[in-house]
Amino acid sequence: MSVDDNVFNLIPVGLLLDELKIKHDDFSDPKKALRAYKKSLSKRCCNKGYRLVITDIQMPSLDGNRLSEEILKELKEKK
């Protein structure tokens, strides 16, 4: 998963992940990314959860630090 409010920044990240043969989803809205992450936690049994999150730090609606904190919180609650 890559998250950046500037869609043009998602392009090189996506190309790199494609070259490494890493399946990924790109999000320009961090809140949508967080919802997708939460939804993916229910699919872990099927090996479909996100294992990597690349995020921008400065985003207007939910910055990368806060997004990371929310993801860690979800992971702790899931265990």
C-alpha atoms as a PDB file:
ATOM      1  CA  MET A   1       0.000   0.000   0.000  1.00  0.00           C
ATOM      2  CA  SER A   2       1.332   3.432  -0.874  1.00  0.00           C
ATOM      3  CA  VAL A   3      -0.325   6.612   0.374  1.00  0.00           C
ATOM      4  CA  ASP A   4       0.359  10.155  -0.802  1.00  0.00           C
ATOM      5  CA  ASP A   5      -1.985  13.096  -1.291  1.00  0.00           C
ATOM      6  CA  ASN A   6      -0.025  14.041  -4.415  1.00  0.00           C
ATOM      7  CA  VAL A   7      -0.905  11.410  -7.019  1.00  0.00           C
ATOM      8  CA  PHE A   8       2.224  12.206  -9.016  1.00  0.00           C
ATOM      9  CA  ASN A   9       4.345  10.944  -6.113  1.00  0.00           C
ATOM     10  CA  LEU A  10       2.544   7.606  -6.266  1.00  0.00           C
ATOM     11  CA  ILE A  11       3.784   6.914  -9.803  1.00  0.00           C
ATOM     12  CA  PRO A  12       7.492   6.255  -9.071  1.00  0.00           C
ATOM     13  CA  VAL A  13       6.643   4.264  -5.956  1.00  0.00           C
ATOM     14  CA  GLY A  14       4.209   2.162  -7.976  1.00  0.00           C
ATOM     15  CA  LEU A  15       6.784   1.587 -10.707  1.00  0.00           C
ATOM     16  CA  LEU A  16       9.356   0.451  -8.161  1.00  0.00           C
ATOM     17  CA  LEU A  17       6.917  -1.920  -6.472  1.00  0.00           C
ATOM     18  CA  ASP A  18       5.862  -3.268  -9.882  1.00  0.00           C
ATOM     19  CA  GLU A  19       9.496  -3.901 -10.787  1.00  0.00           C
ATOM     20  CA  LEU A  20       9.956  -5.777  -7.520  1.00  0.00           C
ATOM     21  CA  LYS A  21       6.784  -7.749  -8.340  1.00  0.00           C
ATOM     22  CA  ILE A  22       5.043  -6.519  -5.195  1.00  0.00           C
ATOM     23  CA  LYS A  23       1.281  -6.239  -5.584  1.00  0.00           C
ATOM     24  CA  HIS A  24       0.092  -2.914  -4.214  1.00  0.00           C
ATOM     25  CA  ASP A  25      -2.771  -0.484  -3.933  1.00  0.00           C
ATOM     26  CA  ASP A  26      -2.239   3.258  -4.219  1.00  0.00           C
ATOM     27  CA  PHE A  27      -4.262   5.790  -2.242  1.00  0.00           C
ATOM     28  CA  SER A  28      -4.325   9.566  -2.512  1.00  0.00           C
ATOM     29  CA  ASP A  29      -6.680   9.787   0.486  1.00  0.00           C
ATOM     30  CA  PRO A  30      -5.168   8.534   3.754  1.00  0.00           C
ATOM     31  CA  LYS A  31      -8.591   7.977   5.310  1.00  0.00           C
ATOM     32  CA  LYS A  32      -9.525   5.625   2.460  1.00  0.00           C
ATOM     33  CA  ALA A  33      -6.186   3.884   2.908  1.00  0.00           C
ATOM     34  CA  LEU A  34      -6.897   3.357   6.604  1.00  0.00           C
ATOM     35  CA  ARG A  35     -10.350   1.933   5.821  1.00  0.00           C
ATOM     36  CA  ALA A  36      -8.801  -0.420   3.254  1.00  0.00           C
ATOM     37  CA  TYR A  37      -6.181  -1.499   5.778  1.00  0.00           C
ATOM     38  CA  LYS A  38      -8.807  -2.224   8.414  1.00  0.00           C
ATOM     39  CA  LYS A  39     -10.807  -4.208   5.880  1.00  0.00           C
ATOM     40  CA  SER A  40      -7.707  -6.170   4.866  1.00  0.00           C
ATOM     41  CA  LEU A  41      -7.165  -7.337   8.446  1.00  0.00           C
ATOM     42  CA  SER A  42     -10.196  -9.566   8.131  1.00  0.00           C
ATOM     43  CA  LYS A  43      -8.591 -11.231   5.090  1.00  0.00           C
ATOM     44  CA  ARG A  44      -5.332 -12.229   6.786  1.00  0.00           C
ATOM     45  CA  CYS A  45      -6.350 -15.873   6.809  1.00  0.00           C
ATOM     46  CA  CYS A  46      -6.277 -15.767   3.031  1.00  0.00           C
ATOM     47  CA  ASN A  47      -2.860 -14.073   2.912  1.00  0.00           C
ATOM     48  CA  LYS A  48      -4.410 -10.936   1.438  1.00  0.00           C
ATOM     49  CA  GLY A  49      -3.573  -8.402   4.145  1.00  0.00           C
ATOM     50  CA  TYR A  50      -1.189  -5.513   3.601  1.00  0.00           C
ATOM     51  CA  ARG A  51       2.373  -6.247   4.700  1.00  0.00           C
ATOM     52  CA  LEU A  52       3.975  -2.972   3.642  1.00  0.00           C
ATOM     53  CA  VAL A  53       2.764   0.618   3.967  1.00  0.00           C
ATOM     54  CA  ILE A  54       4.660   3.446   2.301  1.00  0.00           C
ATOM     55  CA  THR A  55       3.214   6.799   3.287  1.00  0.00           C
ATOM     56  CA  ASP A  56       3.827  10.494   2.902  1.00  0.00           C
ATOM     57  CA  ILE A  57       4.325  12.273   6.218  1.00  0.00           C
ATOM     58  CA  GLN A  58       2.633  15.590   5.420  1.00  0.00           C
ATOM     59  CA  MET A  59      -0.951  15.129   4.257  1.00  0.00           C
ATOM     60  CA  PRO A  60      -3.809  17.477   5.056  1.00  0.00           C
ATOM     61  CA  SER A  61      -6.565  15.183   6.330  1.00  0.00           C
ATOM     62  CA  LEU A  62      -4.511  12.549   8.166  1.00  0.00           C
ATOM     63  CA  ASP A  63      -0.731  12.815   8.222  1.00  0.00           C
ATOM     64  CA  GLY A  64       1.527   9.818   7.775  1.00  0.00           C
ATOM     65  CA  ASN A  65       2.537   9.673  11.428  1.00  0.00           C
ATOM     66  CA  ARG A  66      -1.073   9.541  12.556  1.00  0.00           C
ATOM     67  CA  LEU A  67      -1.900   7.002   9.846  1.00  0.00           C
ATOM     68  CA  SER A  68       0.933   4.790  11.090  1.00  0.00           C
ATOM     69  CA  GLU A  69      -0.292   5.130  14.682  1.00  0.00           C
ATOM     70  CA  GLU A  70      -3.800   4.114  13.639  1.00  0.00           C
ATOM     71  CA  ILE A  71      -2.479   1.096  11.738  1.00  0.00           C
ATOM     72  CA  LEU A  72      -0.397  -0.015  14.737  1.00  0.00           C
ATOM     73  CA  LYS A  73      -3.416   0.446  16.983  1.00  0.00           C
ATOM     74  CA  GLU A  74      -5.485  -1.789  14.682  1.00  0.00           C
ATOM     75  CA  LEU A  75      -2.765  -4.441  14.666  1.00  0.00           C
ATOM     76  CA  LYS A  76      -2.564  -4.476  18.472  1.00  0.00           C
ATOM     77  CA  GLU A  77      -6.347  -4.766  18.787  1.00  0.00           C
ATOM     78  CA  LYS A  78      -6.403  -7.616  16.274  1.00  0.00           C
ATOM     79  CA  LYS A  79      -3.986  -9.760  18.333  1.00  0.00           C
END
